Amino acid sequence: MNDVVAYEAMRESATTLSALLLRSSADIEVRELRDAVVGVDGYDRAAVSALAAHIRGRIAELTESQT
């Protein structure tokens, strides 16, 4: 996957996580997520990958707790 696709995939995951967090009333975490997504350097693949991994982990935690 190239850098642009990785960045867009991370942003899409962030949208999913934001929706899950809003359902659970985690407003502070939503703001922190937004700041992290806006603040990440889209040209820094390591930073994008690290944030994407964090986001995927939180999505997994939240979806597991809803089942």
PDB file of N, CA and C in Angstrom:
ATOM      1  N   MET A   1       0.859  -1.169   0.000  1.00  0.00           N
ATOM      2  CA  MET A   1       0.000   0.000   0.000  1.00  0.00           C
ATOM      3  C   MET A   1       0.903   1.229   0.000  1.00  0.00           C
ATOM      4  N   ASN A   2       0.598   2.183  -0.865  1.00  0.00           N
ATOM      5  CA  ASN A   2       1.441   3.380  -0.912  1.00  0.00           C
ATOM      6  C   ASN A   2       1.054   4.359   0.204  1.00  0.00           C
ATOM      7  N   ASP A   3       1.839   5.405   0.370  1.00  0.00           N
ATOM      8  CA  ASP A   3       1.654   6.346   1.474  1.00  0.00           C
ATOM      9  C   ASP A   3       0.293   7.039   1.439  1.00  0.00           C
ATOM     10  N   VAL A   4      -0.160   7.430   0.276  1.00  0.00           N
ATOM     11  CA  VAL A   4      -1.442   8.135   0.157  1.00  0.00           C
ATOM     12  C   VAL A   4      -2.590   7.218   0.575  1.00  0.00           C
ATOM     13  N   VAL A   5      -2.548   5.995   0.114  1.00  0.00           N
ATOM     14  CA  VAL A   5      -3.596   5.033   0.459  1.00  0.00           C
ATOM     15  C   VAL A   5      -3.566   4.745   1.956  1.00  0.00           C
ATOM     16  N   ALA A   6      -2.384   4.607   2.537  1.00  0.00           N
ATOM     17  CA  ALA A   6      -2.267   4.362   3.975  1.00  0.00           C
ATOM     18  C   ALA A   6      -2.843   5.529   4.775  1.00  0.00           C
ATOM     19  N   TYR A   7      -2.552   6.739   4.334  1.00  0.00           N
ATOM     20  CA  TYR A   7      -3.066   7.930   5.024  1.00  0.00           C
ATOM     21  C   TYR A   7      -4.589   7.981   4.935  1.00  0.00           C
ATOM     22  N   GLU A   8      -5.138   7.740   3.768  1.00  0.00           N
ATOM     23  CA  GLU A   8      -6.597   7.770   3.605  1.00  0.00           C
ATOM     24  C   GLU A   8      -7.269   6.648   4.397  1.00  0.00           C
ATOM     25  N   ALA A   9      -6.652   5.481   4.456  1.00  0.00           N
ATOM     26  CA  ALA A   9      -7.200   4.374   5.245  1.00  0.00           C
ATOM     27  C   ALA A   9      -7.216   4.734   6.728  1.00  0.00           C
ATOM     28  N   MET A  10      -6.143   5.393   7.195  1.00  0.00           N
ATOM     29  CA  MET A  10      -6.088   5.820   8.590  1.00  0.00           C
ATOM     30  C   MET A  10      -7.201   6.817   8.878  1.00  0.00           C
ATOM     31  N   ARG A  11      -7.435   7.760   7.971  1.00  0.00           N
ATOM     32  CA  ARG A  11      -8.499   8.759   8.178  1.00  0.00           C
ATOM     33  C   ARG A  11      -9.872   8.102   8.193  1.00  0.00           C
ATOM     34  N   GLU A  12     -10.082   7.115   7.335  1.00  0.00           N
ATOM     35  CA  GLU A  12     -11.357   6.396   7.319  1.00  0.00           C
ATOM     36  C   GLU A  12     -11.574   5.649   8.637  1.00  0.00           C
ATOM     37  N   SER A  13     -10.524   5.018   9.140  1.00  0.00           N
ATOM     38  CA  SER A  13     -10.611   4.344  10.434  1.00  0.00           C
ATOM     39  C   SER A  13     -10.897   5.329  11.555  1.00  0.00           C
ATOM     40  N   ALA A  14     -10.313   6.513  11.461  1.00  0.00           N
ATOM     41  CA  ALA A  14     -10.554   7.548  12.470  1.00  0.00           C
ATOM     42  C   ALA A  14     -12.023   7.958  12.483  1.00  0.00           C
ATOM     43  N   THR A  15     -12.643   8.005  11.318  1.00  0.00           N
ATOM     44  CA  THR A  15     -14.069   8.333  11.239  1.00  0.00           C
ATOM     45  C   THR A  15     -14.894   7.250  11.927  1.00  0.00           C
ATOM     46  N   THR A  16     -14.552   5.999  11.688  1.00  0.00           N
ATOM     47  CA  THR A  16     -15.246   4.885  12.340  1.00  0.00           C
ATOM     48  C   THR A  16     -15.088   4.969  13.852  1.00  0.00           C
ATOM     49  N   LEU A  17     -13.866   5.206  14.310  1.00  0.00           N
ATOM     50  CA  LEU A  17     -13.617   5.311  15.744  1.00  0.00           C
ATOM     51  C   LEU A  17     -14.368   6.494  16.341  1.00  0.00           C
ATOM     52  N   SER A  18     -14.411   7.610  15.656  1.00  0.00           N
ATOM     53  CA  SER A  18     -15.145   8.778  16.156  1.00  0.00           C
ATOM     54  C   SER A  18     -16.614   8.435  16.373  1.00  0.00           C
ATOM     55  N   ALA A  19     -17.209   7.737  15.429  1.00  0.00           N
ATOM     56  CA  ALA A  19     -18.619   7.349  15.558  1.00  0.00           C
ATOM     57  C   ALA A  19     -18.817   6.432  16.759  1.00  0.00           C
ATOM     58  N   LEU A  20     -17.929   5.481  16.943  1.00  0.00           N
ATOM     59  CA  LEU A  20     -18.040   4.578  18.091  1.00  0.00           C
ATOM     60  C   LEU A  20     -17.870   5.329  19.407  1.00  0.00           C
ATOM     61  N   LEU A  21     -16.932   6.262  19.448  1.00  0.00           N
ATOM     62  CA  LEU A  21     -16.699   7.028  20.667  1.00  0.00           C
ATOM     63  C   LEU A  21     -17.888   7.939  20.979  1.00  0.00           C
ATOM     64  N   LEU A  22     -18.480   8.514  19.956  1.00  0.00           N
ATOM     65  CA  LEU A  22     -19.630   9.386  20.189  1.00  0.00           C
ATOM     66  C   LEU A  22     -20.810   8.602  20.760  1.00  0.00           C
ATOM     67  N   ARG A  23     -20.949   7.358  20.352  1.00  0.00           N
ATOM     68  CA  ARG A  23     -22.001   6.503  20.918  1.00  0.00           C
ATOM     69  C   ARG A  23     -21.771   6.243  22.393  1.00  0.00           C
ATOM     70  N   SER A  24     -20.502   6.205  22.788  1.00  0.00           N
ATOM     71  CA  SER A  24     -20.178   5.910  24.187  1.00  0.00           C
ATOM     72  C   SER A  24     -19.939   7.174  25.006  1.00  0.00           C
ATOM     73  N   SER A  25     -20.231   8.326  24.447  1.00  0.00           N
ATOM     74  CA  SER A  25     -20.098   9.621  25.129  1.00  0.00           C
ATOM     75  C   SER A  25     -18.673   9.907  25.583  1.00  0.00           C
ATOM     76  N   ALA A  26     -17.696   9.575  24.772  1.00  0.00           N
ATOM     77  CA  ALA A  26     -16.292   9.817  25.099  1.00  0.00           C
ATOM     78  C   ALA A  26     -15.809  11.071  24.381  1.00  0.00           C
ATOM     79  N   ASP A  27     -16.403  12.204  24.709  1.00  0.00           N
ATOM     80  CA  ASP A  27     -16.113  13.456  24.008  1.00  0.00           C
ATOM     81  C   ASP A  27     -14.644  13.858  24.048  1.00  0.00           C
ATOM     82  N   ILE A  28     -14.002  13.674  25.186  1.00  0.00           N
ATOM     83  CA  ILE A  28     -12.594  14.071  25.308  1.00  0.00           C
ATOM     84  C   ILE A  28     -11.736  13.236  24.369  1.00  0.00           C
ATOM     85  N   GLU A  29     -12.002  11.940  24.304  1.00  0.00           N
ATOM     86  CA  GLU A  29     -11.211  11.082  23.420  1.00  0.00           C
ATOM     87  C   GLU A  29     -11.458  11.428  21.952  1.00  0.00           C
ATOM     88  N   VAL A  30     -12.675  11.827  21.616  1.00  0.00           N
ATOM     89  CA  VAL A  30     -12.967  12.244  20.240  1.00  0.00           C
ATOM     90  C   VAL A  30     -12.131  13.465  19.881  1.00  0.00           C
ATOM     91  N   ARG A  31     -12.053  14.420  20.790  1.00  0.00           N
ATOM     92  CA  ARG A  31     -11.239  15.617  20.539  1.00  0.00           C
ATOM     93  C   ARG A  31      -9.762  15.263  20.401  1.00  0.00           C
ATOM     94  N   GLU A  32      -9.285  14.366  21.270  1.00  0.00           N
ATOM     95  CA  GLU A  32      -7.882  13.944  21.190  1.00  0.00           C
ATOM     96  C   GLU A  32      -7.601  13.224  19.875  1.00  0.00           C
ATOM     97  N   LEU A  33      -8.554  12.394  19.440  1.00  0.00           N
ATOM     98  CA  LEU A  33      -8.402  11.695  18.172  1.00  0.00           C
ATOM     99  C   LEU A  33      -8.343  12.692  17.019  1.00  0.00           C
ATOM    100  N   ARG A  34      -9.239  13.650  17.027  1.00  0.00           N
ATOM    101  CA  ARG A  34      -9.263  14.660  15.972  1.00  0.00           C
ATOM    102  C   ARG A  34      -7.938  15.404  15.912  1.00  0.00           C
ATOM    103  N   ASP A  35      -7.434  15.802  17.078  1.00  0.00           N
ATOM    104  CA  ASP A  35      -6.158  16.515  17.127  1.00  0.00           C
ATOM    105  C   ASP A  35      -5.017  15.645  16.588  1.00  0.00           C
ATOM    106  N   ALA A  36      -5.040  14.358  16.924  1.00  0.00           N
ATOM    107  CA  ALA A  36      -3.987  13.448  16.454  1.00  0.00           C
ATOM    108  C   ALA A  36      -4.054  13.279  14.942  1.00  0.00           C
ATOM    109  N   VAL A  37      -5.266  13.127  14.402  1.00  0.00           N
ATOM    110  CA  VAL A  37      -5.419  12.939  12.959  1.00  0.00           C
ATOM    111  C   VAL A  37      -5.015  14.203  12.205  1.00  0.00           C
ATOM    112  N   VAL A  38      -5.464  15.347  12.682  1.00  0.00           N
ATOM    113  CA  VAL A  38      -5.119  16.602  12.018  1.00  0.00           C
ATOM    114  C   VAL A  38      -3.622  16.886  12.158  1.00  0.00           C
ATOM    115  N   GLY A  39      -3.040  16.508  13.267  1.00  0.00           N
ATOM    116  CA  GLY A  39      -1.641  16.826  13.543  1.00  0.00           C
ATOM    117  C   GLY A  39      -0.628  15.887  12.922  1.00  0.00           C
ATOM    118  N   VAL A  40      -1.067  14.723  12.466  1.00  0.00           N
ATOM    119  CA  VAL A  40      -0.093  13.771  11.922  1.00  0.00           C
ATOM    120  C   VAL A  40       0.421  14.285  10.576  1.00  0.00           C
ATOM    121  N   ASP A  41       1.714  14.109  10.359  1.00  0.00           N
ATOM    122  CA  ASP A  41       2.330  14.493   9.092  1.00  0.00           C
ATOM    123  C   ASP A  41       2.033  13.396   8.076  1.00  0.00           C
ATOM    124  N   GLY A  42       1.215  13.702   7.100  1.00  0.00           N
ATOM    125  CA  GLY A  42       0.826  12.720   6.098  1.00  0.00           C
ATOM    126  C   GLY A  42       1.984  12.162   5.296  1.00  0.00           C
ATOM    127  N   TYR A  43       3.144  12.813   5.346  1.00  0.00           N
ATOM    128  CA  TYR A  43       4.328  12.331   4.640  1.00  0.00           C
ATOM    129  C   TYR A  43       5.214  11.461   5.528  1.00  0.00           C
ATOM    130  N   ASP A  44       4.867  11.358   6.810  1.00  0.00           N
ATOM    131  CA  ASP A  44       5.634  10.546   7.764  1.00  0.00           C
ATOM    132  C   ASP A  44       4.939   9.196   7.896  1.00  0.00           C
ATOM    133  N   ARG A  45       5.365   8.237   7.082  1.00  0.00           N
ATOM    134  CA  ARG A  45       4.688   6.935   7.031  1.00  0.00           C
ATOM    135  C   ARG A  45       4.689   6.246   8.389  1.00  0.00           C
ATOM    136  N   ALA A  46       5.759   6.357   9.146  1.00  0.00           N
ATOM    137  CA  ALA A  46       5.823   5.716  10.458  1.00  0.00           C
ATOM    138  C   ALA A  46       4.770   6.305  11.395  1.00  0.00           C
ATOM    139  N   ALA A  47       4.606   7.621  11.363  1.00  0.00           N
ATOM    140  CA  ALA A  47       3.610   8.272  12.217  1.00  0.00           C
ATOM    141  C   ALA A  47       2.201   7.888  11.796  1.00  0.00           C
ATOM    142  N   VAL A  48       1.950   7.848  10.487  1.00  0.00           N
ATOM    143  CA  VAL A  48       0.627   7.452   9.983  1.00  0.00           C
ATOM    144  C   VAL A  48       0.341   6.009  10.384  1.00  0.00           C
ATOM    145  N   SER A  49       1.316   5.133  10.227  1.00  0.00           N
ATOM    146  CA  SER A  49       1.136   3.720  10.569  1.00  0.00           C
ATOM    147  C   SER A  49       0.897   3.533  12.064  1.00  0.00           C
ATOM    148  N   ALA A  50       1.627   4.270  12.884  1.00  0.00           N
ATOM    149  CA  ALA A  50       1.454   4.167  14.334  1.00  0.00           C
ATOM    150  C   ALA A  50       0.066   4.638  14.755  1.00  0.00           C
ATOM    151  N   LEU A  51      -0.374   5.754  14.193  1.00  0.00           N
ATOM    152  CA  LEU A  51      -1.707   6.257  14.531  1.00  0.00           C
ATOM    153  C   LEU A  51      -2.781   5.301  14.026  1.00  0.00           C
ATOM    154  N   ALA A  52      -2.591   4.767  12.838  1.00  0.00           N
ATOM    155  CA  ALA A  52      -3.553   3.806  12.290  1.00  0.00           C
ATOM    156  C   ALA A  52      -3.652   2.568  13.174  1.00  0.00           C
ATOM    157  N   ALA A  53      -2.537   2.085  13.669  1.00  0.00           N
ATOM    158  CA  ALA A  53      -2.538   0.917  14.553  1.00  0.00           C
ATOM    159  C   ALA A  53      -3.275   1.228  15.857  1.00  0.00           C
ATOM    160  N   HIS A  54      -3.040   2.402  16.398  1.00  0.00           N
ATOM    161  CA  HIS A  54      -3.742   2.817  17.613  1.00  0.00           C
ATOM    162  C   HIS A  54      -5.257   2.874  17.376  1.00  0.00           C
ATOM    163  N   ILE A  55      -5.632   3.457  16.252  1.00  0.00           N
ATOM    164  CA  ILE A  55      -7.055   3.590  15.918  1.00  0.00           C
ATOM    165  C   ILE A  55      -7.690   2.210  15.755  1.00  0.00           C
ATOM    166  N   ARG A  56      -7.024   1.320  15.018  1.00  0.00           N
ATOM    167  CA  ARG A  56      -7.569  -0.034  14.834  1.00  0.00           C
ATOM    168  C   ARG A  56      -7.726  -0.743  16.169  1.00  0.00           C
ATOM    169  N   GLY A  57      -6.779  -0.543  17.067  1.00  0.00           N
ATOM    170  CA  GLY A  57      -6.865  -1.158  18.395  1.00  0.00           C
ATOM    171  C   GLY A  57      -8.069  -0.659  19.182  1.00  0.00           C
ATOM    172  N   ARG A  58      -8.295   0.638  19.150  1.00  0.00           N
ATOM    173  CA  ARG A  58      -9.451   1.213  19.868  1.00  0.00           C
ATOM    174  C   ARG A  58     -10.765   0.759  19.243  1.00  0.00           C
ATOM    175  N   ILE A  59     -10.814   0.669  17.906  1.00  0.00           N
ATOM    176  CA  ILE A  59     -12.020   0.170  17.245  1.00  0.00           C
ATOM    177  C   ILE A  59     -12.297  -1.259  17.707  1.00  0.00           C
ATOM    178  N   ALA A  60     -11.266  -2.071  17.754  1.00  0.00           N
ATOM    179  CA  ALA A  60     -11.439  -3.460  18.208  1.00  0.00           C
ATOM    180  C   ALA A  60     -11.949  -3.510  19.643  1.00  0.00           C
ATOM    181  N   GLU A  61     -11.387  -2.690  20.521  1.00  0.00           N
ATOM    182  CA  GLU A  61     -11.833  -2.655  21.920  1.00  0.00           C
ATOM    183  C   GLU A  61     -13.299  -2.256  22.021  1.00  0.00           C
ATOM    184  N   LEU A  62     -13.658  -1.226  21.294  1.00  0.00           N
ATOM    185  CA  LEU A  62     -15.036  -0.712  21.386  1.00  0.00           C
ATOM    186  C   LEU A  62     -16.050  -1.655  20.753  1.00  0.00           C
ATOM    187  N   THR A  63     -15.683  -2.294  19.656  1.00  0.00           N
ATOM    188  CA  THR A  63     -16.636  -3.215  19.026  1.00  0.00           C
ATOM    189  C   THR A  63     -16.774  -4.488  19.834  1.00  0.00           C
ATOM    190  N   GLU A  64     -15.710  -4.926  20.496  1.00  0.00           N
ATOM    191  CA  GLU A  64     -15.793  -6.099  21.366  1.00  0.00           C
ATOM    192  C   GLU A  64     -16.691  -5.821  22.563  1.00  0.00           C
ATOM    193  N   SER A  65     -16.607  -4.612  23.108  1.00  0.00           N
ATOM    194  CA  SER A  65     -17.399  -4.284  24.302  1.00  0.00           C
ATOM    195  C   SER A  65     -18.880  -4.094  23.970  1.00  0.00           C
ATOM    196  N   GLN A  66     -19.206  -3.920  22.692  1.00  0.00           N
ATOM    197  CA  GLN A  66     -20.603  -3.736  22.294  1.00  0.00           C
ATOM    198  C   GLN A  66     -21.296  -5.050  21.963  1.00  0.00           C
ATOM    199  N   THR A  67     -20.528  -6.140  21.908  1.00  0.00           N
ATOM    200  CA  THR A  67     -21.138  -7.428  21.578  1.00  0.00           C
ATOM    201  C   THR A  67     -21.475  -8.222  22.799  1.00  0.00           C
TER     202      THR A  67
END
